[in-house]
Amino acid sequence: AVHCSVLQCVSVCYSFDTTKMLDGLQEEHSANQERLFDMERRYKHDVDTRAAKAEDERRMLELQAIRRAAEERDYRASTLLQCNWRMHFARMAVNDIKNPKKKGKKGKGKGGKKKK
């Protein structure tokens, strides 16, 4: 009979210990899941933040490239315009050298002598 009561005591203690252990494991599991979800949420936020930063960086580089292209275009246009003006003035100078204008020409309305 003593043997039987010892077994009963061991089984009662064992079931009590396992119940405590199971409750502890469930609490630990819940805490681990909560930490896991929190870590997953922070990871997703970090990934989204990095993607947004990368997109902003890409846009900035694209805008800089557009700005540089516009500056290059403006520079070329101004250079071409200056070249055209210089060519125009050079042609006028060559034309003046080849065909000099006669100063003091009569009959220009300055009250000079009129031909008969």
C-alpha atoms as a PDB file:
ATOM      1  CA  ALA A   1       0.000   0.000   0.000  1.00  0.00           C
ATOM      2  CA  VAL A   2       2.935   2.249   0.674  1.00  0.00           C
ATOM      3  CA  HIS A   3       4.191   1.592  -2.820  1.00  0.00           C
ATOM      4  CA  CYS A   4       0.882   2.611  -4.262  1.00  0.00           C
ATOM      5  CA  SER A   5       0.661   5.866  -2.355  1.00  0.00           C
ATOM      6  CA  VAL A   6       4.168   6.818  -3.464  1.00  0.00           C
ATOM      7  CA  LEU A   7       3.162   6.281  -7.089  1.00  0.00           C
ATOM      8  CA  GLN A   8       0.046   8.341  -6.570  1.00  0.00           C
ATOM      9  CA  CYS A   9       2.119  11.086  -4.978  1.00  0.00           C
ATOM     10  CA  VAL A  10       4.636  10.985  -7.848  1.00  0.00           C
ATOM     11  CA  SER A  11       1.873  11.092 -10.467  1.00  0.00           C
ATOM     12  CA  VAL A  12       0.124  13.990  -8.707  1.00  0.00           C
ATOM     13  CA  CYS A  13       3.415  15.875  -8.384  1.00  0.00           C
ATOM     14  CA  TYR A  14       4.288  15.059 -11.992  1.00  0.00           C
ATOM     15  CA  SER A  15       0.923  16.285 -13.310  1.00  0.00           C
ATOM     16  CA  PHE A  16       1.222  19.427 -11.159  1.00  0.00           C
ATOM     17  CA  ASP A  17       4.767  20.062 -12.433  1.00  0.00           C
ATOM     18  CA  THR A  18       3.791  19.427 -16.062  1.00  0.00           C
ATOM     19  CA  THR A  19       0.825  21.782 -15.752  1.00  0.00           C
ATOM     20  CA  LYS A  20       3.107  24.496 -14.398  1.00  0.00           C
ATOM     21  CA  MET A  21       5.674  23.742 -17.067  1.00  0.00           C
ATOM     22  CA  LEU A  22       3.023  23.807 -19.791  1.00  0.00           C
ATOM     23  CA  ASP A  23       1.698  27.169 -18.564  1.00  0.00           C
ATOM     24  CA  GLY A  24       5.262  28.524 -18.498  1.00  0.00           C
ATOM     25  CA  LEU A  25       5.928  27.238 -22.008  1.00  0.00           C
ATOM     26  CA  GLN A  26       2.689  28.759 -23.299  1.00  0.00           C
ATOM     27  CA  GLU A  27       3.566  32.126 -21.765  1.00  0.00           C
ATOM     28  CA  GLU A  28       7.060  31.920 -23.231  1.00  0.00           C
ATOM     29  CA  HIS A  29       5.598  30.972 -26.617  1.00  0.00           C
ATOM     30  CA  SER A  30       3.210  33.941 -26.488  1.00  0.00           C
ATOM     31  CA  ALA A  31       6.046  36.284 -25.557  1.00  0.00           C
ATOM     32  CA  ASN A  32       8.215  34.865 -28.351  1.00  0.00           C
ATOM     33  CA  GLN A  33       5.407  35.290 -30.891  1.00  0.00           C
ATOM     34  CA  GLU A  34       4.847  38.864 -29.751  1.00  0.00           C
ATOM     35  CA  ARG A  35       8.561  39.615 -30.109  1.00  0.00           C
ATOM     36  CA  LEU A  36       8.584  37.901 -33.503  1.00  0.00           C
ATOM     37  CA  PHE A  37       5.643  39.981 -34.771  1.00  0.00           C
ATOM     38  CA  ASP A  38       7.276  43.143 -33.427  1.00  0.00           C
ATOM     39  CA  MET A  39      10.562  42.269 -35.144  1.00  0.00           C
ATOM     40  CA  GLU A  40       8.729  41.455 -38.378  1.00  0.00           C
ATOM     41  CA  ARG A  41       6.868  44.787 -38.227  1.00  0.00           C
ATOM     42  CA  ARG A  42      10.132  46.691 -37.638  1.00  0.00           C
ATOM     43  CA  TYR A  43      11.834  44.739 -40.454  1.00  0.00           C
ATOM     44  CA  LYS A  44       9.049  45.606 -42.900  1.00  0.00           C
ATOM     45  CA  HIS A  45       9.206  49.244 -41.815  1.00  0.00           C
ATOM     46  CA  ASP A  46      12.980  49.244 -42.301  1.00  0.00           C
ATOM     47  CA  VAL A  47      12.685  47.649 -45.749  1.00  0.00           C
ATOM     48  CA  ASP A  48       9.994  50.150 -46.766  1.00  0.00           C
ATOM     49  CA  THR A  49      12.082  53.053 -45.461  1.00  0.00           C
ATOM     50  CA  ARG A  50      15.148  51.863 -47.371  1.00  0.00           C
ATOM     51  CA  ALA A  51      13.080  51.426 -50.544  1.00  0.00           C
ATOM     52  CA  ALA A  52      11.675  54.945 -50.172  1.00  0.00           C
ATOM     53  CA  LYS A  53      15.181  56.365 -49.638  1.00  0.00           C
ATOM     54  CA  ALA A  54      16.461  54.478 -52.691  1.00  0.00           C
ATOM     55  CA  GLU A  55      13.552  55.811 -54.764  1.00  0.00           C
ATOM     56  CA  ASP A  56      14.237  59.368 -53.575  1.00  0.00           C
ATOM     57  CA  GLU A  57      17.934  58.963 -54.412  1.00  0.00           C
ATOM     58  CA  ARG A  58      17.036  57.655 -57.878  1.00  0.00           C
ATOM     59  CA  ARG A  59      14.717  60.629 -58.448  1.00  0.00           C
ATOM     60  CA  MET A  60      17.388  63.070 -57.285  1.00  0.00           C
ATOM     61  CA  LEU A  61      19.937  61.543 -59.659  1.00  0.00           C
ATOM     62  CA  GLU A  62      17.407  61.648 -62.483  1.00  0.00           C
ATOM     63  CA  LEU A  63      16.633  65.321 -61.791  1.00  0.00           C
ATOM     64  CA  GLN A  64      20.348  66.122 -61.663  1.00  0.00           C
ATOM     65  CA  ALA A  65      20.839  64.392 -65.016  1.00  0.00           C
ATOM     66  CA  ILE A  66      17.928  66.366 -66.483  1.00  0.00           C
ATOM     67  CA  ARG A  67      19.350  69.599 -65.043  1.00  0.00           C
ATOM     68  CA  ARG A  68      22.800  68.844 -66.472  1.00  0.00           C
ATOM     69  CA  ALA A  69      21.287  68.053 -69.875  1.00  0.00           C
ATOM     70  CA  ALA A  70      19.347  71.345 -69.812  1.00  0.00           C
ATOM     71  CA  GLU A  71      22.491  73.272 -68.859  1.00  0.00           C
ATOM     72  CA  GLU A  72      24.431  71.581 -71.668  1.00  0.00           C
ATOM     73  CA  ARG A  73      21.639  72.372 -74.136  1.00  0.00           C
ATOM     74  CA  ASP A  74      21.545  76.022 -73.004  1.00  0.00           C
ATOM     75  CA  TYR A  75      25.331  76.272 -73.247  1.00  0.00           C
ATOM     76  CA  ARG A  76      25.321  74.856 -76.779  1.00  0.00           C
ATOM     77  CA  ALA A  77      22.465  77.166 -77.805  1.00  0.00           C
ATOM     78  CA  SER A  78      24.237  80.254 -76.457  1.00  0.00           C
ATOM     79  CA  THR A  79      27.488  79.213 -78.130  1.00  0.00           C
ATOM     80  CA  LEU A  80      25.685  78.695 -81.426  1.00  0.00           C
ATOM     81  CA  LEU A  81      23.959  82.061 -81.079  1.00  0.00           C
ATOM     82  CA  GLN A  82      27.276  83.810 -80.364  1.00  0.00           C
ATOM     83  CA  CYS A  83      28.851  82.056 -83.326  1.00  0.00           C
ATOM     84  CA  ASN A  84      26.004  83.133 -85.600  1.00  0.00           C
ATOM     85  CA  TRP A  85      26.276  86.769 -84.454  1.00  0.00           C
ATOM     86  CA  ARG A  86      30.026  86.766 -84.955  1.00  0.00           C
ATOM     87  CA  MET A  87      29.617  85.295 -88.436  1.00  0.00           C
ATOM     88  CA  HIS A  88      26.988  87.935 -89.218  1.00  0.00           C
ATOM     89  CA  PHE A  89      29.286  90.749 -88.087  1.00  0.00           C
ATOM     90  CA  ALA A  90      32.229  89.182 -89.970  1.00  0.00           C
ATOM     91  CA  ARG A  91      30.138  89.032 -93.166  1.00  0.00           C
ATOM     92  CA  MET A  92      29.092  92.640 -92.695  1.00  0.00           C
ATOM     93  CA  ALA A  93      32.757  93.663 -92.194  1.00  0.00           C
ATOM     94  CA  VAL A  94      33.877  91.750 -95.289  1.00  0.00           C
ATOM     95  CA  ASN A  95      31.002  93.285 -97.259  1.00  0.00           C
ATOM     96  CA  ASP A  96      31.986  96.767 -96.054  1.00  0.00           C
ATOM     97  CA  ILE A  97      35.596  96.096 -97.076  1.00  0.00           C
ATOM     98  CA  LYS A  98      34.580  94.848-100.526  1.00  0.00           C
ATOM     99  CA  ASN A  99      31.895  97.477-101.068  1.00  0.00           C
ATOM    100  CA  PRO A 100      32.826 100.559 -99.064  1.00  0.00           C
ATOM    101  CA  LYS A 101      30.068 103.065 -98.491  1.00  0.00           C
ATOM    102  CA  LYS A 102      30.823 106.426-100.032  1.00  0.00           C
ATOM    103  CA  LYS A 103      30.553 109.176 -97.485  1.00  0.00           C
ATOM    104  CA  GLY A 104      29.328 112.627 -98.449  1.00  0.00           C
ATOM    105  CA  LYS A 105      27.275 111.353-101.357  1.00  0.00           C
ATOM    106  CA  LYS A 106      25.179 114.108-102.879  1.00  0.00           C
ATOM    107  CA  GLY A 107      21.413 114.067-102.878  1.00  0.00           C
ATOM    108  CA  LYS A 108      20.885 112.389 -99.511  1.00  0.00           C
ATOM    109  CA  GLY A 109      18.694 115.187 -98.150  1.00  0.00           C
ATOM    110  CA  LYS A 110      21.410 117.033 -96.262  1.00  0.00           C
ATOM    111  CA  GLY A 111      20.892 120.234 -98.229  1.00  0.00           C
ATOM    112  CA  GLY A 112      23.768 119.611-100.597  1.00  0.00           C
ATOM    113  CA  LYS A 113      24.007 120.902-104.147  1.00  0.00           C
ATOM    114  CA  LYS A 114      21.497 119.391-106.489  1.00  0.00           C
ATOM    115  CA  LYS A 115      22.272 118.225-109.995  1.00  0.00           C
ATOM    116  CA  LYS A 116      20.564 119.931-112.894  1.00  0.00           C
END
